Amino acid sequence: MSVMASARVEDELHAQASDILKQLGATQTQLINAAFEHVVRTRTLPGSPTTAAEPEQPKKRVMTEQQRAFLTEFFQQASLPAPAFPEGSLGTDGTEYDGLLAQALAGEYEDLR
């Protein structure tokens, strides 16, 4: 069941708000319901200093030692040893890269024979 609520609003304020609600694709009923929900949730009026000054802070998540150890091991196993290519082994023309790639894949190709 729903209740009909009525209020007196200044003509100019009503006109401005109605235009903005239309731009937002919202209705006056949605506006009133949102205001009532805010009052119930925060026990304050929308825009009151206590509401604006005290935004809800997100809760901090803490990682357990077991989670930290798991992630550390995971990233160590998933990472290449640094440096992957010796410094200066890659030229600017790409030929050194082709040679290194062929060398790295040679074992796999030999296994296919």
PDB file of N, CA and C in Angstrom:
ATOM      1  N   MET A   1       0.842  -1.169   0.000  1.00  0.00           N
ATOM      2  CA  MET A   1       0.000   0.000   0.000  1.00  0.00           C
ATOM      3  C   MET A   1       0.892   1.239   0.000  1.00  0.00           C
ATOM      4  N   SER A   2       0.514   2.262  -0.690  1.00  0.00           N
ATOM      5  CA  SER A   2       1.281   3.501  -0.714  1.00  0.00           C
ATOM      6  C   SER A   2       0.409   4.650  -0.240  1.00  0.00           C
ATOM      7  N   VAL A   3       1.063   5.685   0.258  1.00  0.00           N
ATOM      8  CA  VAL A   3       0.387   6.857   0.806  1.00  0.00           C
ATOM      9  C   VAL A   3       0.644   8.023  -0.128  1.00  0.00           C
ATOM     10  N   MET A   4      -0.337   8.856  -0.311  1.00  0.00           N
ATOM     11  CA  MET A   4      -0.182  10.061  -1.119  1.00  0.00           C
ATOM     12  C   MET A   4       0.379  11.152  -0.214  1.00  0.00           C
ATOM     13  N   ALA A   5       1.517  11.744  -0.591  1.00  0.00           N
ATOM     14  CA  ALA A   5       2.124  12.828   0.180  1.00  0.00           C
ATOM     15  C   ALA A   5       1.956  14.117  -0.599  1.00  0.00           C
ATOM     16  N   SER A   6       1.680  15.189   0.100  1.00  0.00           N
ATOM     17  CA  SER A   6       1.558  16.478  -0.576  1.00  0.00           C
ATOM     18  C   SER A   6       2.394  17.498   0.179  1.00  0.00           C
ATOM     19  N   ALA A   7       2.899  18.486  -0.558  1.00  0.00           N
ATOM     20  CA  ALA A   7       3.727  19.522   0.051  1.00  0.00           C
ATOM     21  C   ALA A   7       3.562  20.811  -0.732  1.00  0.00           C
ATOM     22  N   ARG A   8       3.790  21.910  -0.069  1.00  0.00           N
ATOM     23  CA  ARG A   8       3.766  23.213  -0.742  1.00  0.00           C
ATOM     24  C   ARG A   8       5.189  23.551  -1.162  1.00  0.00           C
ATOM     25  N   VAL A   9       5.337  23.899  -2.448  1.00  0.00           N
ATOM     26  CA  VAL A   9       6.644  24.236  -3.005  1.00  0.00           C
ATOM     27  C   VAL A   9       6.485  25.557  -3.751  1.00  0.00           C
ATOM     28  N   GLU A  10       7.462  26.450  -3.605  1.00  0.00           N
ATOM     29  CA  GLU A  10       7.434  27.721  -4.325  1.00  0.00           C
ATOM     30  C   GLU A  10       7.353  27.453  -5.829  1.00  0.00           C
ATOM     31  N   ASP A  11       6.610  28.289  -6.543  1.00  0.00           N
ATOM     32  CA  ASP A  11       6.387  28.090  -7.980  1.00  0.00           C
ATOM     33  C   ASP A  11       7.701  27.995  -8.761  1.00  0.00           C
ATOM     34  N   GLU A  12       8.632  28.941  -8.533  1.00  0.00           N
ATOM     35  CA  GLU A  12       9.883  28.956  -9.295  1.00  0.00           C
ATOM     36  C   GLU A  12      10.728  27.725  -8.991  1.00  0.00           C
ATOM     37  N   LEU A  13      10.824  27.344  -7.714  1.00  0.00           N
ATOM     38  CA  LEU A  13      11.585  26.152  -7.341  1.00  0.00           C
ATOM     39  C   LEU A  13      10.985  24.914  -7.988  1.00  0.00           C
ATOM     40  N   HIS A  14       9.655  24.811  -8.008  1.00  0.00           N
ATOM     41  CA  HIS A  14       8.974  23.671  -8.622  1.00  0.00           C
ATOM     42  C   HIS A  14       9.270  23.610 -10.118  1.00  0.00           C
ATOM     43  N   ALA A  15       9.234  24.765 -10.782  1.00  0.00           N
ATOM     44  CA  ALA A  15       9.480  24.804 -12.224  1.00  0.00           C
ATOM     45  C   ALA A  15      10.918  24.377 -12.537  1.00  0.00           C
ATOM     46  N   GLN A  16      11.885  24.921 -11.773  1.00  0.00           N
ATOM     47  CA  GLN A  16      13.293  24.560 -12.011  1.00  0.00           C
ATOM     48  C   GLN A  16      13.533  23.077 -11.760  1.00  0.00           C
ATOM     49  N   ALA A  17      13.020  22.571 -10.660  1.00  0.00           N
ATOM     50  CA  ALA A  17      13.214  21.157 -10.324  1.00  0.00           C
ATOM     51  C   ALA A  17      12.538  20.258 -11.345  1.00  0.00           C
ATOM     52  N   SER A  18      11.349  20.649 -11.801  1.00  0.00           N
ATOM     53  CA  SER A  18      10.634  19.844 -12.797  1.00  0.00           C
ATOM     54  C   SER A  18      11.435  19.741 -14.095  1.00  0.00           C
ATOM     55  N   ASP A  19      12.038  20.864 -14.513  1.00  0.00           N
ATOM     56  CA  ASP A  19      12.862  20.847 -15.727  1.00  0.00           C
ATOM     57  C   ASP A  19      14.059  19.901 -15.560  1.00  0.00           C
ATOM     58  N   ILE A  20      14.716  19.979 -14.414  1.00  0.00           N
ATOM     59  CA  ILE A  20      15.885  19.131 -14.172  1.00  0.00           C
ATOM     60  C   ILE A  20      15.476  17.668 -14.099  1.00  0.00           C
ATOM     61  N   LEU A  21      14.378  17.376 -13.424  1.00  0.00           N
ATOM     62  CA  LEU A  21      13.905  15.988 -13.351  1.00  0.00           C
ATOM     63  C   LEU A  21      13.611  15.448 -14.740  1.00  0.00           C
ATOM     64  N   LYS A  22      13.025  16.274 -15.585  1.00  0.00           N
ATOM     65  CA  LYS A  22      12.728  15.849 -16.960  1.00  0.00           C
ATOM     66  C   LYS A  22      14.030  15.511 -17.697  1.00  0.00           C
ATOM     67  N   GLN A  23      15.067  16.358 -17.529  1.00  0.00           N
ATOM     68  CA  GLN A  23      16.360  16.115 -18.165  1.00  0.00           C
ATOM     69  C   GLN A  23      16.979  14.813 -17.651  1.00  0.00           C
ATOM     70  N   LEU A  24      16.769  14.514 -16.374  1.00  0.00           N
ATOM     71  CA  LEU A  24      17.314  13.295 -15.782  1.00  0.00           C
ATOM     72  C   LEU A  24      16.476  12.061 -16.109  1.00  0.00           C
ATOM     73  N   GLY A  25      15.310  12.268 -16.665  1.00  0.00           N
ATOM     74  CA  GLY A  25      14.417  11.139 -16.942  1.00  0.00           C
ATOM     75  C   GLY A  25      13.792  10.583 -15.674  1.00  0.00           C
ATOM     76  N   ALA A  26      13.633  11.452 -14.664  1.00  0.00           N
ATOM     77  CA  ALA A  26      13.090  11.028 -13.377  1.00  0.00           C
ATOM     78  C   ALA A  26      11.748  11.716 -13.141  1.00  0.00           C
ATOM     79  N   THR A  27      10.994  11.180 -12.210  1.00  0.00           N
ATOM     80  CA  THR A  27       9.683  11.737 -11.874  1.00  0.00           C
ATOM     81  C   THR A  27       9.723  12.359 -10.487  1.00  0.00           C
ATOM     82  N   GLN A  28       8.696  13.159 -10.194  1.00  0.00           N
ATOM     83  CA  GLN A  28       8.575  13.751  -8.861  1.00  0.00           C
ATOM     84  C   GLN A  28       8.394  12.657  -7.805  1.00  0.00           C
ATOM     85  N   THR A  29       7.714  11.597  -8.162  1.00  0.00           N
ATOM     86  CA  THR A  29       7.527  10.479  -7.232  1.00  0.00           C
ATOM     87  C   THR A  29       8.872   9.852  -6.880  1.00  0.00           C
ATOM     88  N   GLN A  30       9.750   9.674  -7.879  1.00  0.00           N
ATOM     89  CA  GLN A  30      11.077   9.119  -7.604  1.00  0.00           C
ATOM     90  C   GLN A  30      11.879  10.046  -6.692  1.00  0.00           C
ATOM     91  N   LEU A  31      11.765  11.357  -6.916  1.00  0.00           N
ATOM     92  CA  LEU A  31      12.462  12.325  -6.078  1.00  0.00           C
ATOM     93  C   LEU A  31      11.987  12.242  -4.633  1.00  0.00           C
ATOM     94  N   ILE A  32      10.693  12.220  -4.427  1.00  0.00           N
ATOM     95  CA  ILE A  32      10.146  12.164  -3.065  1.00  0.00           C
ATOM     96  C   ILE A  32      10.539  10.854  -2.392  1.00  0.00           C
ATOM     97  N   ASN A  33      10.441   9.737  -3.109  1.00  0.00           N
ATOM     98  CA  ASN A  33      10.831   8.447  -2.529  1.00  0.00           C
ATOM     99  C   ASN A  33      12.307   8.437  -2.142  1.00  0.00           C
ATOM    100  N   ALA A  34      13.179   9.007  -3.002  1.00  0.00           N
ATOM    101  CA  ALA A  34      14.608   9.062  -2.696  1.00  0.00           C
ATOM    102  C   ALA A  34      14.860   9.903  -1.448  1.00  0.00           C
ATOM    103  N   ALA A  35      14.129  11.011  -1.298  1.00  0.00           N
ATOM    104  CA  ALA A  35      14.279  11.858  -0.117  1.00  0.00           C
ATOM    105  C   ALA A  35      13.849  11.107   1.140  1.00  0.00           C
ATOM    106  N   PHE A  36      12.712  10.425   1.093  1.00  0.00           N
ATOM    107  CA  PHE A  36      12.248   9.658   2.247  1.00  0.00           C
ATOM    108  C   PHE A  36      13.239   8.540   2.598  1.00  0.00           C
ATOM    109  N   GLU A  37      13.767   7.850   1.585  1.00  0.00           N
ATOM    110  CA  GLU A  37      14.749   6.786   1.831  1.00  0.00           C
ATOM    111  C   GLU A  37      16.010   7.350   2.493  1.00  0.00           C
ATOM    112  N   HIS A  38      16.438   8.539   2.051  1.00  0.00           N
ATOM    113  CA  HIS A  38      17.617   9.167   2.646  1.00  0.00           C
ATOM    114  C   HIS A  38      17.377   9.461   4.127  1.00  0.00           C
ATOM    115  N   VAL A  39      16.215  10.012   4.446  1.00  0.00           N
ATOM    116  CA  VAL A  39      15.892  10.334   5.842  1.00  0.00           C
ATOM    117  C   VAL A  39      15.890   9.070   6.692  1.00  0.00           C
ATOM    118  N   VAL A  40      15.318   7.996   6.191  1.00  0.00           N
ATOM    119  CA  VAL A  40      15.272   6.742   6.952  1.00  0.00           C
ATOM    120  C   VAL A  40      16.675   6.172   7.127  1.00  0.00           C
ATOM    121  N   ARG A  41      17.481   6.200   6.069  1.00  0.00           N
ATOM    122  CA  ARG A  41      18.818   5.608   6.105  1.00  0.00           C
ATOM    123  C   ARG A  41      19.782   6.406   6.979  1.00  0.00           C
ATOM    124  N   THR A  42      19.748   7.759   6.892  1.00  0.00           N
ATOM    125  CA  THR A  42      20.750   8.573   7.575  1.00  0.00           C
ATOM    126  C   THR A  42      20.222   9.310   8.790  1.00  0.00           C
ATOM    127  N   ARG A  43      18.887   9.358   8.933  1.00  0.00           N
ATOM    128  CA  ARG A  43      18.236  10.114  10.007  1.00  0.00           C
ATOM    129  C   ARG A  43      18.608  11.596   9.948  1.00  0.00           C
ATOM    130  N   THR A  44      18.884  12.095   8.721  1.00  0.00           N
ATOM    131  CA  THR A  44      19.166  13.509   8.488  1.00  0.00           C
ATOM    132  C   THR A  44      18.441  13.954   7.229  1.00  0.00           C
ATOM    133  N   LEU A  45      18.321  15.264   7.059  1.00  0.00           N
ATOM    134  CA  LEU A  45      17.744  15.799   5.824  1.00  0.00           C
ATOM    135  C   LEU A  45      18.809  15.779   4.725  1.00  0.00           C
ATOM    136  N   PRO A  46      18.407  15.592   3.473  1.00  0.00           N
ATOM    137  CA  PRO A  46      19.385  15.650   2.386  1.00  0.00           C
ATOM    138  C   PRO A  46      20.079  17.014   2.387  1.00  0.00           C
ATOM    139  N   GLY A  47      21.402  16.994   2.259  1.00  0.00           N
ATOM    140  CA  GLY A  47      22.162  18.231   2.209  1.00  0.00           C
ATOM    141  C   GLY A  47      22.462  18.845   3.559  1.00  0.00           C
ATOM    142  N   SER A  48      22.067  18.198   4.650  1.00  0.00           N
ATOM    143  CA  SER A  48      22.372  18.754   5.962  1.00  0.00           C
ATOM    144  C   SER A  48      23.865  18.645   6.220  1.00  0.00           C
ATOM    145  N   PRO A  49      24.429  19.524   7.051  1.00  0.00           N
ATOM    146  CA  PRO A  49      25.886  19.516   7.279  1.00  0.00           C
ATOM    147  C   PRO A  49      26.416  18.169   7.763  1.00  0.00           C
ATOM    148  N   THR A  50      25.674  17.452   8.572  1.00  0.00           N
ATOM    149  CA  THR A  50      26.184  16.167   9.061  1.00  0.00           C
ATOM    150  C   THR A  50      26.268  15.160   7.931  1.00  0.00           C
ATOM    151  N   THR A  51      25.379  15.249   6.947  1.00  0.00           N
ATOM    152  CA  THR A  51      25.417  14.328   5.813  1.00  0.00           C
ATOM    153  C   THR A  51      26.603  14.647   4.915  1.00  0.00           C
ATOM    154  N   ALA A  52      26.795  15.931   4.598  1.00  0.00           N
ATOM    155  CA  ALA A  52      27.845  16.324   3.667  1.00  0.00           C
ATOM    156  C   ALA A  52      29.230  16.166   4.282  1.00  0.00           C
ATOM    157  N   ALA A  53      29.360  16.386   5.588  1.00  0.00           N
ATOM    158  CA  ALA A  53      30.675  16.356   6.214  1.00  0.00           C
ATOM    159  C   ALA A  53      31.152  14.953   6.540  1.00  0.00           C
ATOM    160  N   GLU A  54      30.271  13.998   6.598  1.00  0.00           N
ATOM    161  CA  GLU A  54      30.645  12.657   7.021  1.00  0.00           C
ATOM    162  C   GLU A  54      30.290  11.607   5.969  1.00  0.00           C
ATOM    163  N   PRO A  55      30.984  11.607   4.824  1.00  0.00           N
ATOM    164  CA  PRO A  55      30.692  10.556   3.848  1.00  0.00           C
ATOM    165  C   PRO A  55      31.128   9.203   4.401  1.00  0.00           C
ATOM    166  N   GLU A  56      30.410   8.186   4.009  1.00  0.00           N
ATOM    167  CA  GLU A  56      30.733   6.839   4.495  1.00  0.00           C
ATOM    168  C   GLU A  56      32.077   6.407   3.943  1.00  0.00           C
ATOM    169  N   GLN A  57      32.966   5.983   4.826  1.00  0.00           N
ATOM    170  CA  GLN A  57      34.293   5.546   4.437  1.00  0.00           C
ATOM    171  C   GLN A  57      34.268   4.066   4.081  1.00  0.00           C
ATOM    172  N   PRO A  58      34.946   3.683   2.988  1.00  0.00           N
ATOM    173  CA  PRO A  58      35.003   2.260   2.657  1.00  0.00           C
ATOM    174  C   PRO A  58      35.808   1.512   3.715  1.00  0.00           C
ATOM    175  N   LYS A  59      35.422   0.278   3.951  1.00  0.00           N
ATOM    176  CA  LYS A  59      36.133  -0.533   4.935  1.00  0.00           C
ATOM    177  C   LYS A  59      37.455  -0.996   4.349  1.00  0.00           C
ATOM    178  N   LYS A  60      38.476  -1.027   5.201  1.00  0.00           N
ATOM    179  CA  LYS A  60      39.795  -1.466   4.777  1.00  0.00           C
ATOM    180  C   LYS A  60      39.844  -2.984   4.773  1.00  0.00           C
ATOM    181  N   ARG A  61      40.388  -3.536   3.704  1.00  0.00           N
ATOM    182  CA  ARG A  61      40.557  -4.984   3.620  1.00  0.00           C
ATOM    183  C   ARG A  61      41.981  -5.322   4.019  1.00  0.00           C
ATOM    184  N   VAL A  62      42.127  -6.349   4.810  1.00  0.00           N
ATOM    185  CA  VAL A  62      43.445  -6.756   5.290  1.00  0.00           C
ATOM    186  C   VAL A  62      43.755  -8.145   4.753  1.00  0.00           C
ATOM    187  N   MET A  63      44.983  -8.295   4.225  1.00  0.00           N
ATOM    188  CA  MET A  63      45.408  -9.575   3.677  1.00  0.00           C
ATOM    189  C   MET A  63      46.025 -10.417   4.794  1.00  0.00           C
ATOM    190  N   THR A  64      45.635 -11.682   4.851  1.00  0.00           N
ATOM    191  CA  THR A  64      46.226 -12.575   5.850  1.00  0.00           C
ATOM    192  C   THR A  64      47.627 -12.974   5.398  1.00  0.00           C
ATOM    193  N   GLU A  65      48.429 -13.494   6.328  1.00  0.00           N
ATOM    194  CA  GLU A  65      49.776 -13.948   5.985  1.00  0.00           C
ATOM    195  C   GLU A  65      49.723 -15.094   4.976  1.00  0.00           C
ATOM    196  N   GLN A  66      48.712 -15.957   5.097  1.00  0.00           N
ATOM    197  CA  GLN A  66      48.559 -17.074   4.158  1.00  0.00           C
ATOM    198  C   GLN A  66      48.274 -16.542   2.750  1.00  0.00           C
ATOM    199  N   GLN A  67      47.407 -15.535   2.632  1.00  0.00           N
ATOM    200  CA  GLN A  67      47.116 -14.945   1.329  1.00  0.00           C
ATOM    201  C   GLN A  67      48.357 -14.260   0.756  1.00  0.00           C
ATOM    202  N   ARG A  68      49.095 -13.551   1.611  1.00  0.00           N
ATOM    203  CA  ARG A  68      50.308 -12.865   1.169  1.00  0.00           C
ATOM    204  C   ARG A  68      51.336 -13.874   0.653  1.00  0.00           C
ATOM    205  N   ALA A  69      51.519 -14.993   1.371  1.00  0.00           N
ATOM    206  CA  ALA A  69      52.481 -16.027   0.956  1.00  0.00           C
ATOM    207  C   ALA A  69      52.051 -16.654  -0.367  1.00  0.00           C
ATOM    208  N   PHE A  70      50.755 -16.917  -0.520  1.00  0.00           N
ATOM    209  CA  PHE A  70      50.249 -17.504  -1.758  1.00  0.00           C
ATOM    210  C   PHE A  70      50.522 -16.581  -2.943  1.00  0.00           C
ATOM    211  N   LEU A  71      50.198 -15.283  -2.796  1.00  0.00           N
ATOM    212  CA  LEU A  71      50.403 -14.345  -3.895  1.00  0.00           C
ATOM    213  C   LEU A  71      51.886 -14.156  -4.205  1.00  0.00           C
ATOM    214  N   THR A  72      52.718 -14.125  -3.189  1.00  0.00           N
ATOM    215  CA  THR A  72      54.158 -13.986  -3.409  1.00  0.00           C
ATOM    216  C   THR A  72      54.682 -15.158  -4.222  1.00  0.00           C
ATOM    217  N   GLU A  73      54.319 -16.372  -3.834  1.00  0.00           N
ATOM    218  CA  GLU A  73      54.771 -17.562  -4.561  1.00  0.00           C
ATOM    219  C   GLU A  73      54.218 -17.579  -5.979  1.00  0.00           C
ATOM    220  N   PHE A  74      52.951 -17.211  -6.125  1.00  0.00           N
ATOM    221  CA  PHE A  74      52.321 -17.200  -7.446  1.00  0.00           C
ATOM    222  C   PHE A  74      53.063 -16.270  -8.393  1.00  0.00           C
ATOM    223  N   PHE A  75      53.351 -15.046  -7.943  1.00  0.00           N
ATOM    224  CA  PHE A  75      54.010 -14.088  -8.818  1.00  0.00           C
ATOM    225  C   PHE A  75      55.463 -14.457  -9.082  1.00  0.00           C
ATOM    226  N   GLN A  76      56.123 -15.108  -8.137  1.00  0.00           N
ATOM    227  CA  GLN A  76      57.488 -15.566  -8.384  1.00  0.00           C
ATOM    228  C   GLN A  76      57.505 -16.639  -9.457  1.00  0.00           C
ATOM    229  N   GLN A  77      56.541 -17.546  -9.432  1.00  0.00           N
ATOM    230  CA  GLN A  77      56.478 -18.609 -10.433  1.00  0.00           C
ATOM    231  C   GLN A  77      56.046 -18.079 -11.791  1.00  0.00           C
ATOM    232  N   ALA A  78      55.240 -17.029 -11.804  1.00  0.00           N
ATOM    233  CA  ALA A  78      54.709 -16.501 -13.060  1.00  0.00           C
ATOM    234  C   ALA A  78      55.636 -15.487 -13.713  1.00  0.00           C
ATOM    235  N   SER A  79      56.702 -15.097 -13.044  1.00  0.00           N
ATOM    236  CA  SER A  79      57.592 -14.061 -13.560  1.00  0.00           C
ATOM    237  C   SER A  79      58.818 -14.672 -14.220  1.00  0.00           C
ATOM    238  N   LEU A  80      59.290 -13.995 -15.256  1.00  0.00           N
ATOM    239  CA  LEU A  80      60.535 -14.398 -15.914  1.00  0.00           C
ATOM    240  C   LEU A  80      61.707 -13.896 -15.092  1.00  0.00           C
ATOM    241  N   PRO A  81      62.803 -14.648 -15.085  1.00  0.00           N
ATOM    242  CA  PRO A  81      63.981 -14.120 -14.386  1.00  0.00           C
ATOM    243  C   PRO A  81      64.470 -12.867 -15.099  1.00  0.00           C
ATOM    244  N   ALA A  82      64.898 -11.892 -14.363  1.00  0.00           N
ATOM    245  CA  ALA A  82      65.356 -10.647 -14.980  1.00  0.00           C
ATOM    246  C   ALA A  82      66.870 -10.683 -15.079  1.00  0.00           C
ATOM    247  N   PRO A  83      67.478 -10.230 -16.085  1.00  0.00           N
ATOM    248  CA  PRO A  83      66.860  -9.822 -17.338  1.00  0.00           C
ATOM    249  C   PRO A  83      66.586 -11.032 -18.238  1.00  0.00           C
ATOM    250  N   ALA A  84      65.517 -10.967 -18.990  1.00  0.00           N
ATOM    251  CA  ALA A  84      65.167 -12.079 -19.874  1.00  0.00           C
ATOM    252  C   ALA A  84      66.159 -12.191 -21.018  1.00  0.00           C
ATOM    253  N   PHE A  85      66.636 -11.044 -21.515  1.00  0.00           N
ATOM    254  CA  PHE A  85      67.643 -11.023 -22.566  1.00  0.00           C
ATOM    255  C   PHE A  85      68.838 -10.243 -22.046  1.00  0.00           C
ATOM    256  N   PRO A  86      70.040 -10.727 -22.284  1.00  0.00           N
ATOM    257  CA  PRO A  86      71.224  -9.993 -21.830  1.00  0.00           C
ATOM    258  C   PRO A  86      71.240  -8.588 -22.416  1.00  0.00           C
ATOM    259  N   GLU A  87      71.770  -7.634 -21.648  1.00  0.00           N
ATOM    260  CA  GLU A  87      71.794  -6.245 -22.102  1.00  0.00           C
ATOM    261  C   GLU A  87      72.587  -6.138 -23.403  1.00  0.00           C
ATOM    262  N   GLY A  88      72.014  -5.434 -24.349  1.00  0.00           N
ATOM    263  CA  GLY A  88      72.672  -5.243 -25.631  1.00  0.00           C
ATOM    264  C   GLY A  88      72.484  -6.392 -26.596  1.00  0.00           C
ATOM    265  N   SER A  89      71.720  -7.437 -26.220  1.00  0.00           N
ATOM    266  CA  SER A  89      71.561  -8.581 -27.115  1.00  0.00           C
ATOM    267  C   SER A  89      70.533  -8.315 -28.196  1.00  0.00           C
ATOM    268  N   LEU A  90      69.701  -7.319 -28.020  1.00  0.00           N
ATOM    269  CA  LEU A  90      68.705  -7.006 -29.036  1.00  0.00           C
ATOM    270  C   LEU A  90      69.124  -5.760 -29.795  1.00  0.00           C
ATOM    271  N   GLY A  91      69.273  -5.915 -31.081  1.00  0.00           N
ATOM    272  CA  GLY A  91      69.625  -4.764 -31.913  1.00  0.00           C
ATOM    273  C   GLY A  91      68.387  -3.996 -32.313  1.00  0.00           C
ATOM    274  N   THR A  92      68.592  -2.984 -33.099  1.00  0.00           N
ATOM    275  CA  THR A  92      67.464  -2.156 -33.520  1.00  0.00           C
ATOM    276  C   THR A  92      66.817  -2.671 -34.798  1.00  0.00           C
ATOM    277  N   ASP A  93      67.510  -3.551 -35.543  1.00  0.00           N
ATOM    278  CA  ASP A  93      66.936  -4.028 -36.802  1.00  0.00           C
ATOM    279  C   ASP A  93      66.116  -5.302 -36.642  1.00  0.00           C
ATOM    280  N   GLY A  94      66.086  -5.897 -35.451  1.00  0.00           N
ATOM    281  CA  GLY A  94      65.261  -7.079 -35.206  1.00  0.00           C
ATOM    282  C   GLY A  94      65.937  -8.392 -35.499  1.00  0.00           C
ATOM    283  N   THR A  95      67.111  -8.387 -36.126  1.00  0.00           N
ATOM    284  CA  THR A  95      67.743  -9.653 -36.488  1.00  0.00           C
ATOM    285  C   THR A  95      68.193 -10.427 -35.260  1.00  0.00           C
ATOM    286  N   GLU A  96      68.679  -9.715 -34.222  1.00  0.00           N
ATOM    287  CA  GLU A  96      69.106 -10.411 -33.016  1.00  0.00           C
ATOM    288  C   GLU A  96      67.919 -11.084 -32.340  1.00  0.00           C
ATOM    289  N   TYR A  97      66.785 -10.425 -32.373  1.00  0.00           N
ATOM    290  CA  TYR A  97      65.584 -10.991 -31.776  1.00  0.00           C
ATOM    291  C   TYR A  97      65.203 -12.287 -32.488  1.00  0.00           C
ATOM    292  N   ASP A  98      65.238 -12.265 -33.820  1.00  0.00           N
ATOM    293  CA  ASP A  98      64.893 -13.455 -34.586  1.00  0.00           C
ATOM    294  C   ASP A  98      65.811 -14.620 -34.226  1.00  0.00           C
ATOM    295  N   GLY A  99      67.111 -14.330 -34.073  1.00  0.00           N
ATOM    296  CA  GLY A  99      68.071 -15.373 -33.714  1.00  0.00           C
ATOM    297  C   GLY A  99      67.795 -15.923 -32.327  1.00  0.00           C
ATOM    298  N   LEU A 100      67.520 -15.039 -31.353  1.00  0.00           N
ATOM    299  CA  LEU A 100      67.226 -15.485 -29.992  1.00  0.00           C
ATOM    300  C   LEU A 100      65.934 -16.301 -29.949  1.00  0.00           C
ATOM    301  N   LEU A 101      64.956 -15.892 -30.708  1.00  0.00           N
ATOM    302  CA  LEU A 101      63.684 -16.621 -30.744  1.00  0.00           C
ATOM    303  C   LEU A 101      63.891 -17.999 -31.354  1.00  0.00           C
ATOM    304  N   ALA A 102      64.647 -18.082 -32.423  1.00  0.00           N
ATOM    305  CA  ALA A 102      64.925 -19.381 -33.054  1.00  0.00           C
ATOM    306  C   ALA A 102      65.680 -20.287 -32.095  1.00  0.00           C
ATOM    307  N   GLN A 103      66.623 -19.708 -31.345  1.00  0.00           N
ATOM    308  CA  GLN A 103      67.385 -20.472 -30.363  1.00  0.00           C
ATOM    309  C   GLN A 103      66.455 -21.001 -29.265  1.00  0.00           C
ATOM    310  N   ALA A 104      65.572 -20.148 -28.786  1.00  0.00           N
ATOM    311  CA  ALA A 104      64.680 -20.538 -27.704  1.00  0.00           C
ATOM    312  C   ALA A 104      63.707 -21.632 -28.138  1.00  0.00           C
ATOM    313  N   LEU A 105      63.303 -21.597 -29.395  1.00  0.00           N
ATOM    314  CA  LEU A 105      62.334 -22.577 -29.882  1.00  0.00           C
ATOM    315  C   LEU A 105      62.983 -23.815 -30.486  1.00  0.00           C
ATOM    316  N   ALA A 106      64.285 -23.825 -30.634  1.00  0.00           N
ATOM    317  CA  ALA A 106      64.980 -24.935 -31.289  1.00  0.00           C
ATOM    318  C   ALA A 106      64.704 -26.252 -30.588  1.00  0.00           C
ATOM    319  N   GLY A 107      64.703 -26.267 -29.272  1.00  0.00           N
ATOM    320  CA  GLY A 107      64.449 -27.498 -28.530  1.00  0.00           C
ATOM    321  C   GLY A 107      63.068 -28.061 -28.819  1.00  0.00           C
ATOM    322  N   GLU A 108      62.076 -27.180 -28.923  1.00  0.00           N
ATOM    323  CA  GLU A 108      60.717 -27.655 -29.209  1.00  0.00           C
ATOM    324  C   GLU A 108      60.623 -28.214 -30.616  1.00  0.00           C
ATOM    325  N   TYR A 109      61.296 -27.579 -31.574  1.00  0.00           N
ATOM    326  CA  TYR A 109      61.259 -28.071 -32.942  1.00  0.00           C
ATOM    327  C   TYR A 109      61.993 -29.386 -33.062  1.00  0.00           C
ATOM    328  N   GLU A 110      63.096 -29.554 -32.329  1.00  0.00           N
ATOM    329  CA  GLU A 110      63.870 -30.793 -32.382  1.00  0.00           C
ATOM    330  C   GLU A 110      63.049 -31.941 -31.818  1.00  0.00           C
ATOM    331  N   ASP A 111      62.215 -31.652 -30.822  1.00  0.00           N
ATOM    332  CA  ASP A 111      61.372 -32.705 -30.224  1.00  0.00           C
ATOM    333  C   ASP A 111      60.329 -33.214 -31.205  1.00  0.00           C
ATOM    334  N   LEU A 112      59.970 -32.423 -32.192  1.00  0.00           N
ATOM    335  CA  LEU A 112      58.947 -32.814 -33.143  1.00  0.00           C
ATOM    336  C   LEU A 112      59.468 -33.769 -34.207  1.00  0.00           C
ATOM    337  N   ARG A 113      60.772 -33.901 -34.345  1.00  0.00           N
ATOM    338  CA  ARG A 113      61.330 -34.767 -35.385  1.00  0.00           C
ATOM    339  C   ARG A 113      61.192 -36.204 -35.046  1.00  0.00           C
TER     340      ARG A 113
END
